[in-house]
Each structure stands twice: as structure tokens, then as C-alpha cells.
Amino acid sequence: MQIFLSIIPVFLVSLFGYMIASSGKLNKNDIQSLSKFTFSFAIPVMLFFKMATLDIPKNIEWSLLLSYYLAVLCVFVVMTCLMKYFFSEDPEEQSIGGFSSTFSNAVVVGIPVVDQTLGHQAMLPLLMLISIHALTLYSMGFIFAERDKFEATRILTSVANIFTEMVKNPITLSIFSGLVINSLSIDLPAVIASSLELMAGAAIPLTLFALGASIHQFSLSLKNRLPIIVVVMKNLVLPALVYIFSFHIFNISSLWATTAVIMAAMPVGVNAYIFSQRYQKCIPDVAGAILLSTLTSIFTVTAILTIINK
């Protein structure tokens, strides 16, 4: 019950955003403006401040990345096979299924949930995972989607473009900029640190509110089984595999392994919707999966954390 009570405020703030958007007090332009400010300014400031002020241990468990992304690869491959044999022969649709089953809402939901349940000390492993999350998943997505028309030059160009976009992305820039400040042992002036901390404090509630408002635009249709299968793979199978890899194969320390499992258990990220829009396929199914995954994650995350803490 304690775990549930620590997580519920995160989802109640998103519910508030959903209700405000549903009431018509926020239109589509308002939501876009709020999301733009949140993701371009508030979140990067928070991530920069957290990374710049973290205590980074001398012995970093790099196997954390391997344990997480090996599990991601396994789920991605399994989901593309399920898509091929039960839903579609189209490689692009298969890749969308794999992408949706593995892309976690790590920043918007992951950071507050990890902070509420594991505390500040879990931020380093979480930010490590987040730093290469989009680059890894988008690269896999493009490779799987375009495998039938494989051209090394074309795929390398796509991956290079993704890398360039990720480097320019405010979230990626903020994490690595904070890491540089931390690594060089640069102490931020008290006035600047206080200002950054003040703005960083607004990032989480703004982000959760914007998530709820954005989800309002999605609709849930269960006519197709795909959203349900995506949610099962994302909310249950992926965290189970990450648990096996991190706790039993790579023997990662409990805190770092638990952080990886929580990130894997996060709902489907909105980037899955963006990826489906790129190919103009499976858009209603992905939108439904995001909504259903977010609604059910409060229970699946609680259950997973309860099992780990036994």
C-alpha cells in the first residue's frame, strides 16, 4: 500500500491535466505551447541541475546499459515477429509494434516515479539509461522498418540524422552538459544554483500536467487486439526481462537494477505516436496503446515494485 500511495500523486497530477483539457479550458494550441515550454526549457533545466549536482561514484556499473538494452532488443524482435505472423506483413508496421512495445515514458513519468519510490540516489542510473534511450530505439526502429529495402548508405544516413537530432535535443544536451560540469567539479554560483533549483522544481508537475492534457487527444479503441498486446509487452514482459538480466545475469546492485526495472515498466512513450506518424501507419492503435498503458501502469508498477521489495 505504501508503494501505491507514493506513486498515486504522480498520476493524479496527470489526471488533473486530463480533466482540465477535457473541460475545454485548454485548446490544442494551449497544450502545444505548454508542452513546448515544458520539454524545451523546464525539463532540460531540471536534468542539467540534477546531473550537475549528483554524486557520481568512481565505479560506475556500465553493465546496466547492457542489461536494459539487451532486454529491449529481445522484446523488439519478439514483437516484430508477433506483428508479422498475426497482424501485418509490412515491415514498417512490424517495426512500429516493436518500437511501441519498448519505448518508455522515462522522462515524463519515469523521473517522478523513481524519485518518489527510490529517491535522489537513483537518478544517476536513470539518467544514464535516458541519455541513449531515444537514439537506441529510433535506430532500431529504422533498421527494422527498412530492412526489406536495405541500403547501407540509406540506413546509415538515417541513423546519422537521428544522432544529430539527439545531440541537438534539449534533453540530451542538458544531461551531457550537467555531466561535464559535474566531471570538472565546477561549483555553480549560489545565486545560479538557487535559480536553477527553483525552475527545476516546476518541471515535474508541469510535465505530468502536460502529459495528462496531451493524452486527452488520444482515443482508446479495443476493436484491434494490438493495443492490448503492446501494453502486455511494454508494461509486463519488458520489465520482467530487465529484471532477469539485471538481477540474475549481470548481478547489478539492487538500487541500480531496480531503477532499470522501473524504467522498463513505465508506460508507452509519446515518441511511439511520433514514430507511427512518420510512416502514417498504426496511428489509432499506437494512440490507444499509449492511453491504455498509462492508465494501467499505476497498477503494474506498484505490483512490480512490491515483488522486488519482498
C-alpha atoms as a PDB file:
ATOM      1  CA  MET A   1       0.000   0.000   0.000  1.00  0.00           C
ATOM      2  CA  GLN A   2       2.868   2.371   0.805  1.00  0.00           C
ATOM      3  CA  ILE A   3       4.274   1.956  -2.703  1.00  0.00           C
ATOM      4  CA  PHE A   4       0.875   2.675  -4.232  1.00  0.00           C
ATOM      5  CA  LEU A   5       0.465   5.796  -2.075  1.00  0.00           C
ATOM      6  CA  SER A   6       3.905   7.066  -3.120  1.00  0.00           C
ATOM      7  CA  ILE A   7       3.081   6.633  -6.823  1.00  0.00           C
ATOM      8  CA  ILE A   8      -0.532   7.837  -6.906  1.00  0.00           C
ATOM      9  CA  PRO A   9       0.288  11.605  -6.691  1.00  0.00           C
ATOM     10  CA  VAL A  10       2.228  11.313  -9.970  1.00  0.00           C
ATOM     11  CA  PHE A  11      -0.836  10.027 -11.779  1.00  0.00           C
ATOM     12  CA  LEU A  12      -3.271  12.362 -10.008  1.00  0.00           C
ATOM     13  CA  VAL A  13      -1.422  15.393 -11.406  1.00  0.00           C
ATOM     14  CA  SER A  14      -1.709  13.880 -14.902  1.00  0.00           C
ATOM     15  CA  LEU A  15      -5.388  13.173 -14.254  1.00  0.00           C
ATOM     16  CA  PHE A  16      -5.856  16.830 -13.347  1.00  0.00           C
ATOM     17  CA  GLY A  17      -4.306  17.851 -16.682  1.00  0.00           C
ATOM     18  CA  TYR A  18      -6.573  15.385 -18.473  1.00  0.00           C
ATOM     19  CA  MET A  19      -9.664  16.776 -16.749  1.00  0.00           C
ATOM     20  CA  ILE A  20      -8.773  20.397 -17.488  1.00  0.00           C
ATOM     21  CA  ALA A  21      -8.185  19.579 -21.171  1.00  0.00           C
ATOM     22  CA  SER A  22     -11.418  17.557 -21.310  1.00  0.00           C
ATOM     23  CA  SER A  23     -13.370  20.500 -19.875  1.00  0.00           C
ATOM     24  CA  GLY A  24     -12.338  22.653 -22.830  1.00  0.00           C
ATOM     25  CA  LYS A  25     -10.378  25.167 -20.732  1.00  0.00           C
ATOM     26  CA  LEU A  26      -7.268  24.293 -22.748  1.00  0.00           C
ATOM     27  CA  ASN A  27      -7.379  24.082 -26.530  1.00  0.00           C
ATOM     28  CA  LYS A  28      -4.903  22.278 -28.764  1.00  0.00           C
ATOM     29  CA  ASN A  29      -2.685  25.363 -29.155  1.00  0.00           C
ATOM     30  CA  ASP A  30      -2.579  25.870 -25.378  1.00  0.00           C
ATOM     31  CA  ILE A  31      -1.469  22.269 -24.864  1.00  0.00           C
ATOM     32  CA  GLN A  32       1.186  22.561 -27.580  1.00  0.00           C
ATOM     33  CA  SER A  33       2.552  25.765 -26.029  1.00  0.00           C
ATOM     34  CA  LEU A  34       2.611  24.206 -22.565  1.00  0.00           C
ATOM     35  CA  SER A  35       4.358  21.092 -23.877  1.00  0.00           C
ATOM     36  CA  LYS A  36       6.893  23.185 -25.822  1.00  0.00           C
ATOM     37  CA  PHE A  37       7.852  25.187 -22.730  1.00  0.00           C
ATOM     38  CA  THR A  38       7.967  22.071 -20.579  1.00  0.00           C
ATOM     39  CA  PHE A  39      10.136  19.952 -22.879  1.00  0.00           C
ATOM     40  CA  SER A  40      12.321  22.752 -24.281  1.00  0.00           C
ATOM     41  CA  PHE A  41      13.020  24.628 -21.036  1.00  0.00           C
ATOM     42  CA  ALA A  42      11.668  23.263 -17.740  1.00  0.00           C
ATOM     43  CA  ILE A  43      12.771  19.623 -18.139  1.00  0.00           C
ATOM     44  CA  PRO A  44      16.239  20.451 -19.565  1.00  0.00           C
ATOM     45  CA  VAL A  45      16.891  22.815 -16.639  1.00  0.00           C
ATOM     46  CA  MET A  46      15.853  20.094 -14.179  1.00  0.00           C
ATOM     47  CA  LEU A  47      18.001  17.427 -15.874  1.00  0.00           C
ATOM     48  CA  PHE A  48      21.004  19.759 -16.073  1.00  0.00           C
ATOM     49  CA  PHE A  49      20.704  20.664 -12.400  1.00  0.00           C
ATOM     50  CA  LYS A  50      20.259  17.056 -11.287  1.00  0.00           C
ATOM     51  CA  MET A  51      23.216  15.818 -13.330  1.00  0.00           C
ATOM     52  CA  ALA A  52      25.457  18.725 -12.309  1.00  0.00           C
ATOM     53  CA  THR A  53      24.817  18.139  -8.596  1.00  0.00           C
ATOM     54  CA  LEU A  54      24.732  14.326  -8.444  1.00  0.00           C
ATOM     55  CA  ASP A  55      27.345  12.361  -6.529  1.00  0.00           C
ATOM     56  CA  ILE A  56      28.919  10.220  -9.244  1.00  0.00           C
ATOM     57  CA  PRO A  57      30.677   7.096  -7.887  1.00  0.00           C
ATOM     58  CA  LYS A  58      34.118   6.135  -9.152  1.00  0.00           C
ATOM     59  CA  ASN A  59      32.967   2.639 -10.125  1.00  0.00           C
ATOM     60  CA  ILE A  60      30.005   3.031 -12.458  1.00  0.00           C
ATOM     61  CA  GLU A  61      28.118  -0.138 -13.333  1.00  0.00           C
ATOM     62  CA  TRP A  62      28.169   0.158 -17.122  1.00  0.00           C
ATOM     63  CA  SER A  63      26.603  -3.293 -17.393  1.00  0.00           C
ATOM     64  CA  LEU A  64      23.347  -1.539 -16.501  1.00  0.00           C
ATOM     65  CA  LEU A  65      23.089  -0.289 -20.087  1.00  0.00           C
ATOM     66  CA  LEU A  66      23.771  -3.745 -21.485  1.00  0.00           C
ATOM     67  CA  SER A  67      21.203  -5.445 -19.235  1.00  0.00           C
ATOM     68  CA  TYR A  68      18.498  -2.932 -20.151  1.00  0.00           C
ATOM     69  CA  TYR A  69      19.042  -2.667 -23.883  1.00  0.00           C
ATOM     70  CA  LEU A  70      19.551  -6.412 -24.396  1.00  0.00           C
ATOM     71  CA  ALA A  71      16.081  -6.865 -22.903  1.00  0.00           C
ATOM     72  CA  VAL A  72      14.769  -4.107 -25.173  1.00  0.00           C
ATOM     73  CA  LEU A  73      16.241  -5.844 -28.222  1.00  0.00           C
ATOM     74  CA  CYS A  74      14.649  -9.161 -27.231  1.00  0.00           C
ATOM     75  CA  VAL A  75      11.194  -7.620 -26.805  1.00  0.00           C
ATOM     76  CA  PHE A  76      11.554  -5.612 -30.018  1.00  0.00           C
ATOM     77  CA  VAL A  77      12.392  -8.739 -32.009  1.00  0.00           C
ATOM     78  CA  VAL A  78       9.615 -10.817 -30.418  1.00  0.00           C
ATOM     79  CA  MET A  79       7.050  -8.095 -31.052  1.00  0.00           C
ATOM     80  CA  THR A  80       8.039  -7.685 -34.704  1.00  0.00           C
ATOM     81  CA  CYS A  81       7.613 -11.457 -35.109  1.00  0.00           C
ATOM     82  CA  LEU A  82       4.170 -11.319 -33.487  1.00  0.00           C
ATOM     83  CA  MET A  83       3.266  -8.463 -35.802  1.00  0.00           C
ATOM     84  CA  LYS A  84       4.422 -10.443 -38.820  1.00  0.00           C
ATOM     85  CA  TYR A  85       2.514 -13.643 -38.047  1.00  0.00           C
ATOM     86  CA  PHE A  86      -0.676 -12.196 -36.535  1.00  0.00           C
ATOM     87  CA  PHE A  87      -1.122  -8.624 -37.774  1.00  0.00           C
ATOM     88  CA  SER A  88       0.858  -7.459 -40.793  1.00  0.00           C
ATOM     89  CA  GLU A  89       3.428  -8.458 -43.404  1.00  0.00           C
ATOM     90  CA  ASP A  90       4.516  -4.809 -43.649  1.00  0.00           C
ATOM     91  CA  PRO A  91       7.994  -4.299 -42.086  1.00  0.00           C
ATOM     92  CA  GLU A  92       7.114  -0.700 -41.207  1.00  0.00           C
ATOM     93  CA  GLU A  93       4.052  -1.766 -39.211  1.00  0.00           C
ATOM     94  CA  GLN A  94       6.071  -4.543 -37.586  1.00  0.00           C
ATOM     95  CA  SER A  95       8.698  -2.010 -36.514  1.00  0.00           C
ATOM     96  CA  ILE A  96       6.034   0.325 -35.134  1.00  0.00           C
ATOM     97  CA  GLY A  97       4.788  -2.563 -32.983  1.00  0.00           C
ATOM     98  CA  GLY A  98       8.304  -3.264 -31.709  1.00  0.00           C
ATOM     99  CA  PHE A  99       9.010   0.415 -31.084  1.00  0.00           C
ATOM    100  CA  SER A 100       5.751   0.929 -29.162  1.00  0.00           C
ATOM    101  CA  SER A 101       6.445  -2.141 -27.011  1.00  0.00           C
ATOM    102  CA  THR A 102       9.853  -0.878 -25.897  1.00  0.00           C
ATOM    103  CA  PHE A 103       9.863   2.941 -25.819  1.00  0.00           C
ATOM    104  CA  SER A 104       9.353   4.013 -22.206  1.00  0.00           C
ATOM    105  CA  ASN A 105       7.909   7.294 -20.988  1.00  0.00           C
ATOM    106  CA  ALA A 106      11.113   7.610 -18.989  1.00  0.00           C
ATOM    107  CA  VAL A 107      11.322  11.374 -18.570  1.00  0.00           C
ATOM    108  CA  VAL A 108       7.714  12.403 -18.002  1.00  0.00           C
ATOM    109  CA  VAL A 109       6.621   9.522 -15.752  1.00  0.00           C
ATOM    110  CA  GLY A 110       9.904   7.735 -15.010  1.00  0.00           C
ATOM    111  CA  ILE A 111      11.712  10.572 -13.234  1.00  0.00           C
ATOM    112  CA  PRO A 112       8.922  11.408 -10.750  1.00  0.00           C
ATOM    113  CA  VAL A 113       8.135   7.731 -10.068  1.00  0.00           C
ATOM    114  CA  VAL A 114      11.803   6.864  -9.462  1.00  0.00           C
ATOM    115  CA  ASP A 115      12.256   9.981  -7.335  1.00  0.00           C
ATOM    116  CA  GLN A 116       9.173   9.139  -5.251  1.00  0.00           C
ATOM    117  CA  THR A 117       9.997   5.458  -4.745  1.00  0.00           C
ATOM    118  CA  LEU A 118      13.813   5.199  -4.778  1.00  0.00           C
ATOM    119  CA  GLY A 119      14.972   8.733  -4.039  1.00  0.00           C
ATOM    120  CA  HIS A 120      17.647  11.069  -5.367  1.00  0.00           C
ATOM    121  CA  GLN A 121      20.366   8.388  -5.349  1.00  0.00           C
ATOM    122  CA  ALA A 122      18.593   6.542  -8.181  1.00  0.00           C
ATOM    123  CA  MET A 123      18.811   9.499 -10.567  1.00  0.00           C
ATOM    124  CA  LEU A 124      22.262   8.632 -11.924  1.00  0.00           C
ATOM    125  CA  PRO A 125      21.367   5.168 -13.298  1.00  0.00           C
ATOM    126  CA  LEU A 126      18.070   6.544 -14.603  1.00  0.00           C
ATOM    127  CA  LEU A 127      19.740   9.429 -16.440  1.00  0.00           C
ATOM    128  CA  MET A 128      22.335   7.031 -17.857  1.00  0.00           C
ATOM    129  CA  LEU A 129      19.523   4.960 -19.377  1.00  0.00           C
ATOM    130  CA  ILE A 130      17.649   8.032 -20.606  1.00  0.00           C
ATOM    131  CA  SER A 131      20.731   9.554 -22.258  1.00  0.00           C
ATOM    132  CA  ILE A 132      20.843   6.912 -25.039  1.00  0.00           C
ATOM    133  CA  HIS A 133      17.214   5.787 -24.946  1.00  0.00           C
ATOM    134  CA  ALA A 134      15.846   7.714 -27.925  1.00  0.00           C
ATOM    135  CA  LEU A 135      18.957   7.190 -30.066  1.00  0.00           C
ATOM    136  CA  THR A 136      18.942   3.418 -29.471  1.00  0.00           C
ATOM    137  CA  LEU A 137      15.203   2.919 -30.041  1.00  0.00           C
ATOM    138  CA  TYR A 138      14.944   5.133 -33.116  1.00  0.00           C
ATOM    139  CA  SER A 139      17.980   3.422 -34.671  1.00  0.00           C
ATOM    140  CA  MET A 140      16.433   0.003 -34.072  1.00  0.00           C
ATOM    141  CA  GLY A 141      13.098   1.252 -35.385  1.00  0.00           C
ATOM    142  CA  PHE A 142      14.530   2.492 -38.674  1.00  0.00           C
ATOM    143  CA  ILE A 143      16.655  -0.611 -39.220  1.00  0.00           C
ATOM    144  CA  PHE A 144      13.698  -2.963 -38.687  1.00  0.00           C
ATOM    145  CA  ALA A 145      11.276  -0.795 -40.692  1.00  0.00           C
ATOM    146  CA  GLU A 146      13.533  -0.533 -43.732  1.00  0.00           C
ATOM    147  CA  ARG A 147      15.166  -3.951 -43.671  1.00  0.00           C
ATOM    148  CA  ASP A 148      13.401  -5.151 -46.850  1.00  0.00           C
ATOM    149  CA  LYS A 149      14.779  -2.239 -48.837  1.00  0.00           C
ATOM    150  CA  PHE A 150      18.126  -2.468 -47.119  1.00  0.00           C
ATOM    151  CA  GLU A 151      20.640   0.040 -48.326  1.00  0.00           C
ATOM    152  CA  ALA A 152      23.574   0.537 -46.009  1.00  0.00           C
ATOM    153  CA  THR A 153      24.011   4.140 -47.079  1.00  0.00           C
ATOM    154  CA  ARG A 154      20.347   4.961 -46.543  1.00  0.00           C
ATOM    155  CA  ILE A 155      20.176   3.380 -43.084  1.00  0.00           C
ATOM    156  CA  LEU A 156      23.487   4.920 -42.011  1.00  0.00           C
ATOM    157  CA  THR A 157      22.192   8.287 -43.155  1.00  0.00           C
ATOM    158  CA  SER A 158      19.014   7.804 -41.126  1.00  0.00           C
ATOM    159  CA  VAL A 159      20.995   6.816 -38.024  1.00  0.00           C
ATOM    160  CA  ALA A 160      23.343   9.783 -38.539  1.00  0.00           C
ATOM    161  CA  ASN A 161      20.343  12.104 -38.809  1.00  0.00           C
ATOM    162  CA  ILE A 162      18.888  10.637 -35.604  1.00  0.00           C
ATOM    163  CA  PHE A 163      22.218  11.124 -33.838  1.00  0.00           C
ATOM    164  CA  THR A 164      22.353  14.750 -34.981  1.00  0.00           C
ATOM    165  CA  GLU A 165      18.787  15.351 -33.782  1.00  0.00           C
ATOM    166  CA  MET A 166      19.534  13.727 -30.425  1.00  0.00           C
ATOM    167  CA  VAL A 167      22.680  15.817 -29.948  1.00  0.00           C
ATOM    168  CA  LYS A 168      20.655  18.967 -30.630  1.00  0.00           C
ATOM    169  CA  ASN A 169      17.805  17.773 -28.420  1.00  0.00           C
ATOM    170  CA  PRO A 170      17.483  19.922 -25.253  1.00  0.00           C
ATOM    171  CA  ILE A 171      17.062  16.852 -23.035  1.00  0.00           C
ATOM    172  CA  THR A 172      20.229  15.160 -24.318  1.00  0.00           C
ATOM    173  CA  LEU A 173      22.186  18.431 -24.233  1.00  0.00           C
ATOM    174  CA  SER A 174      21.133  19.140 -20.658  1.00  0.00           C
ATOM    175  CA  ILE A 175      22.193  15.693 -19.406  1.00  0.00           C
ATOM    176  CA  PHE A 176      25.632  15.809 -21.015  1.00  0.00           C
ATOM    177  CA  SER A 177      26.176  19.490 -20.117  1.00  0.00           C
ATOM    178  CA  GLY A 178      25.421  18.684 -16.488  1.00  0.00           C
ATOM    179  CA  LEU A 179      27.770  15.712 -16.684  1.00  0.00           C
ATOM    180  CA  VAL A 180      30.594  17.975 -17.930  1.00  0.00           C
ATOM    181  CA  ILE A 181      30.008  20.429 -15.067  1.00  0.00           C
ATOM    182  CA  ASN A 182      29.978  17.563 -12.582  1.00  0.00           C
ATOM    183  CA  SER A 183      33.053  15.832 -14.019  1.00  0.00           C
ATOM    184  CA  LEU A 184      35.079  19.055 -13.912  1.00  0.00           C
ATOM    185  CA  SER A 185      33.984  19.631 -10.291  1.00  0.00           C
ATOM    186  CA  ILE A 186      32.687  23.077 -11.150  1.00  0.00           C
ATOM    187  CA  ASP A 187      30.639  24.583  -8.341  1.00  0.00           C
ATOM    188  CA  LEU A 188      27.695  26.588  -9.594  1.00  0.00           C
ATOM    189  CA  PRO A 189      27.423  30.062  -8.011  1.00  0.00           C
ATOM    190  CA  ALA A 190      24.840  30.045  -5.224  1.00  0.00           C
ATOM    191  CA  VAL A 191      22.523  32.500  -6.998  1.00  0.00           C
ATOM    192  CA  ILE A 192      22.549  30.462 -10.234  1.00  0.00           C
ATOM    193  CA  ALA A 193      22.127  27.176  -8.373  1.00  0.00           C
ATOM    194  CA  SER A 194      19.146  28.560  -6.429  1.00  0.00           C
ATOM    195  CA  SER A 195      17.546  29.866  -9.620  1.00  0.00           C
ATOM    196  CA  LEU A 196      18.027  26.548 -11.420  1.00  0.00           C
ATOM    197  CA  GLU A 197      16.674  24.636  -8.436  1.00  0.00           C
ATOM    198  CA  LEU A 198      13.592  26.889  -8.342  1.00  0.00           C
ATOM    199  CA  MET A 199      12.837  26.305 -12.021  1.00  0.00           C
ATOM    200  CA  ALA A 200      13.669  22.593 -11.755  1.00  0.00           C
ATOM    201  CA  GLY A 201      11.055  22.282  -9.036  1.00  0.00           C
ATOM    202  CA  ALA A 202       8.363  23.300 -11.511  1.00  0.00           C
ATOM    203  CA  ALA A 203       9.408  20.776 -14.166  1.00  0.00           C
ATOM    204  CA  ILE A 204       7.824  17.612 -12.743  1.00  0.00           C
ATOM    205  CA  PRO A 205       4.312  18.982 -12.050  1.00  0.00           C
ATOM    206  CA  LEU A 206       4.325  20.841 -15.385  1.00  0.00           C
ATOM    207  CA  THR A 207       5.411  17.703 -17.217  1.00  0.00           C
ATOM    208  CA  LEU A 208       2.779  15.491 -15.611  1.00  0.00           C
ATOM    209  CA  PHE A 209       0.057  18.075 -16.201  1.00  0.00           C
ATOM    210  CA  ALA A 210       1.115  18.378 -19.864  1.00  0.00           C
ATOM    211  CA  LEU A 211       1.087  14.582 -20.198  1.00  0.00           C
ATOM    212  CA  GLY A 212      -2.498  14.368 -18.990  1.00  0.00           C
ATOM    213  CA  ALA A 213      -3.579  17.216 -21.246  1.00  0.00           C
ATOM    214  CA  SER A 214      -1.859  15.612 -24.245  1.00  0.00           C
ATOM    215  CA  ILE A 215      -3.337  12.149 -23.602  1.00  0.00           C
ATOM    216  CA  HIS A 216      -6.778  13.766 -23.743  1.00  0.00           C
ATOM    217  CA  GLN A 217      -6.256  13.993 -27.517  1.00  0.00           C
ATOM    218  CA  PHE A 218      -5.892  10.206 -27.825  1.00  0.00           C
ATOM    219  CA  SER A 219      -8.794   7.797 -28.079  1.00  0.00           C
ATOM    220  CA  LEU A 220      -8.944   4.193 -26.938  1.00  0.00           C
ATOM    221  CA  SER A 221     -10.286   1.566 -29.301  1.00  0.00           C
ATOM    222  CA  LEU A 222     -10.086  -2.128 -28.468  1.00  0.00           C
ATOM    223  CA  LYS A 223     -11.516  -3.348 -31.769  1.00  0.00           C
ATOM    224  CA  ASN A 224      -7.996  -4.393 -32.658  1.00  0.00           C
ATOM    225  CA  ARG A 225      -6.010  -6.580 -30.244  1.00  0.00           C
ATOM    226  CA  LEU A 226      -2.779  -4.730 -30.999  1.00  0.00           C
ATOM    227  CA  PRO A 227      -3.010  -2.074 -28.224  1.00  0.00           C
ATOM    228  CA  ILE A 228      -3.587  -4.789 -25.604  1.00  0.00           C
ATOM    229  CA  ILE A 229      -0.617  -6.850 -26.813  1.00  0.00           C
ATOM    230  CA  VAL A 230       1.608  -3.758 -26.872  1.00  0.00           C
ATOM    231  CA  VAL A 231       0.627  -2.957 -23.280  1.00  0.00           C
ATOM    232  CA  VAL A 232       1.322  -6.526 -22.112  1.00  0.00           C
ATOM    233  CA  MET A 233       4.753  -6.483 -23.779  1.00  0.00           C
ATOM    234  CA  LYS A 234       5.610  -2.994 -22.521  1.00  0.00           C
ATOM    235  CA  ASN A 235       4.181  -2.999 -19.004  1.00  0.00           C
ATOM    236  CA  LEU A 236       4.901  -6.625 -18.075  1.00  0.00           C
ATOM    237  CA  VAL A 237       7.236  -8.546 -20.403  1.00  0.00           C
ATOM    238  CA  LEU A 238       9.918  -5.862 -20.794  1.00  0.00           C
ATOM    239  CA  PRO A 239      10.324  -5.196 -17.035  1.00  0.00           C
ATOM    240  CA  ALA A 240      10.373  -8.956 -16.394  1.00  0.00           C
ATOM    241  CA  LEU A 241      13.233  -9.403 -18.872  1.00  0.00           C
ATOM    242  CA  VAL A 242      15.128  -6.404 -17.486  1.00  0.00           C
ATOM    243  CA  TYR A 243      14.723  -7.929 -14.017  1.00  0.00           C
ATOM    244  CA  ILE A 244      16.236 -11.225 -15.181  1.00  0.00           C
ATOM    245  CA  PHE A 245      19.139  -9.557 -16.993  1.00  0.00           C
ATOM    246  CA  SER A 246      19.979  -7.006 -14.298  1.00  0.00           C
ATOM    247  CA  PHE A 247      19.432  -9.040 -11.116  1.00  0.00           C
ATOM    248  CA  HIS A 248      20.371 -12.565 -12.206  1.00  0.00           C
ATOM    249  CA  ILE A 249      22.636 -12.393 -15.265  1.00  0.00           C
ATOM    250  CA  PHE A 250      24.701  -9.225 -14.767  1.00  0.00           C
ATOM    251  CA  ASN A 251      24.254  -9.113 -10.954  1.00  0.00           C
ATOM    252  CA  ILE A 252      23.887  -5.349 -10.829  1.00  0.00           C
ATOM    253  CA  SER A 253      23.494  -3.679  -7.432  1.00  0.00           C
ATOM    254  CA  SER A 254      19.941  -3.673  -6.123  1.00  0.00           C
ATOM    255  CA  LEU A 255      19.291   0.078  -6.422  1.00  0.00           C
ATOM    256  CA  TRP A 256      20.563   0.340  -9.993  1.00  0.00           C
ATOM    257  CA  ALA A 257      18.816  -2.850 -11.091  1.00  0.00           C
ATOM    258  CA  THR A 258      15.526  -1.719  -9.548  1.00  0.00           C
ATOM    259  CA  THR A 259      15.857   1.630 -11.333  1.00  0.00           C
ATOM    260  CA  ALA A 260      16.227  -0.190 -14.651  1.00  0.00           C
ATOM    261  CA  VAL A 261      13.171  -2.346 -13.953  1.00  0.00           C
ATOM    262  CA  ILE A 262      11.069   0.701 -13.058  1.00  0.00           C
ATOM    263  CA  MET A 263      12.098   2.462 -16.257  1.00  0.00           C
ATOM    264  CA  ALA A 264      11.157  -0.646 -18.249  1.00  0.00           C
ATOM    265  CA  ALA A 265       7.768  -0.681 -16.507  1.00  0.00           C
ATOM    266  CA  MET A 266       6.944   2.880 -17.498  1.00  0.00           C
ATOM    267  CA  PRO A 267       4.032   3.333 -19.934  1.00  0.00           C
ATOM    268  CA  VAL A 268       4.491   3.656 -23.689  1.00  0.00           C
ATOM    269  CA  GLY A 269       6.142   6.982 -24.517  1.00  0.00           C
ATOM    270  CA  VAL A 270       4.556   9.583 -26.794  1.00  0.00           C
ATOM    271  CA  ASN A 271       7.512   9.109 -29.163  1.00  0.00           C
ATOM    272  CA  ALA A 272       5.809   5.897 -30.306  1.00  0.00           C
ATOM    273  CA  TYR A 273       2.978   8.056 -31.661  1.00  0.00           C
ATOM    274  CA  ILE A 274       5.507  10.285 -33.448  1.00  0.00           C
ATOM    275  CA  PHE A 275       7.187   7.196 -34.936  1.00  0.00           C
ATOM    276  CA  SER A 276       3.860   5.849 -36.236  1.00  0.00           C
ATOM    277  CA  GLN A 277       3.071   9.257 -37.740  1.00  0.00           C
ATOM    278  CA  ARG A 278       6.358   9.158 -39.638  1.00  0.00           C
ATOM    279  CA  TYR A 279       5.108   6.127 -41.585  1.00  0.00           C
ATOM    280  CA  GLN A 280       1.394   7.061 -41.361  1.00  0.00           C
ATOM    281  CA  LYS A 281       0.547   3.565 -40.136  1.00  0.00           C
ATOM    282  CA  CYS A 282      -0.987   2.061 -36.970  1.00  0.00           C
ATOM    283  CA  ILE A 283      -1.670   5.573 -35.619  1.00  0.00           C
ATOM    284  CA  PRO A 284      -5.012   4.791 -33.841  1.00  0.00           C
ATOM    285  CA  ASP A 285      -3.578   1.574 -32.366  1.00  0.00           C
ATOM    286  CA  VAL A 286      -0.476   3.320 -31.020  1.00  0.00           C
ATOM    287  CA  ALA A 287      -2.562   6.175 -29.585  1.00  0.00           C
ATOM    288  CA  GLY A 288      -4.787   3.618 -27.865  1.00  0.00           C
ATOM    289  CA  ALA A 289      -1.750   1.735 -26.538  1.00  0.00           C
ATOM    290  CA  ILE A 290      -0.297   4.928 -25.026  1.00  0.00           C
ATOM    291  CA  LEU A 291      -3.564   5.722 -23.262  1.00  0.00           C
ATOM    292  CA  LEU A 292      -4.173   2.154 -22.030  1.00  0.00           C
ATOM    293  CA  SER A 293      -0.555   1.699 -20.976  1.00  0.00           C
ATOM    294  CA  THR A 294      -0.601   4.924 -18.965  1.00  0.00           C
ATOM    295  CA  LEU A 295      -3.885   4.051 -17.245  1.00  0.00           C
ATOM    296  CA  THR A 296      -2.742   0.542 -16.264  1.00  0.00           C
ATOM    297  CA  SER A 297       0.853   1.401 -15.339  1.00  0.00           C
ATOM    298  CA  ILE A 298      -0.109   2.666 -11.885  1.00  0.00           C
ATOM    299  CA  PHE A 299      -1.130  -0.903 -11.001  1.00  0.00           C
ATOM    300  CA  THR A 300       1.633  -2.749 -12.880  1.00  0.00           C
ATOM    301  CA  VAL A 301       4.386  -0.512 -11.460  1.00  0.00           C
ATOM    302  CA  THR A 302       3.000  -0.955  -7.944  1.00  0.00           C
ATOM    303  CA  ALA A 303       2.878  -4.733  -8.378  1.00  0.00           C
ATOM    304  CA  ILE A 304       6.407  -4.909  -9.820  1.00  0.00           C
ATOM    305  CA  LEU A 305       7.899  -2.793  -7.027  1.00  0.00           C
ATOM    306  CA  THR A 306       6.071  -4.863  -4.414  1.00  0.00           C
ATOM    307  CA  ILE A 307       7.518  -8.073  -5.859  1.00  0.00           C
ATOM    308  CA  ILE A 308      11.066  -6.649  -5.985  1.00  0.00           C
ATOM    309  CA  ASN A 309      10.886  -5.352  -2.411  1.00  0.00           C
ATOM    310  CA  LYS A 310       9.758  -8.715  -0.962  1.00  0.00           C
END
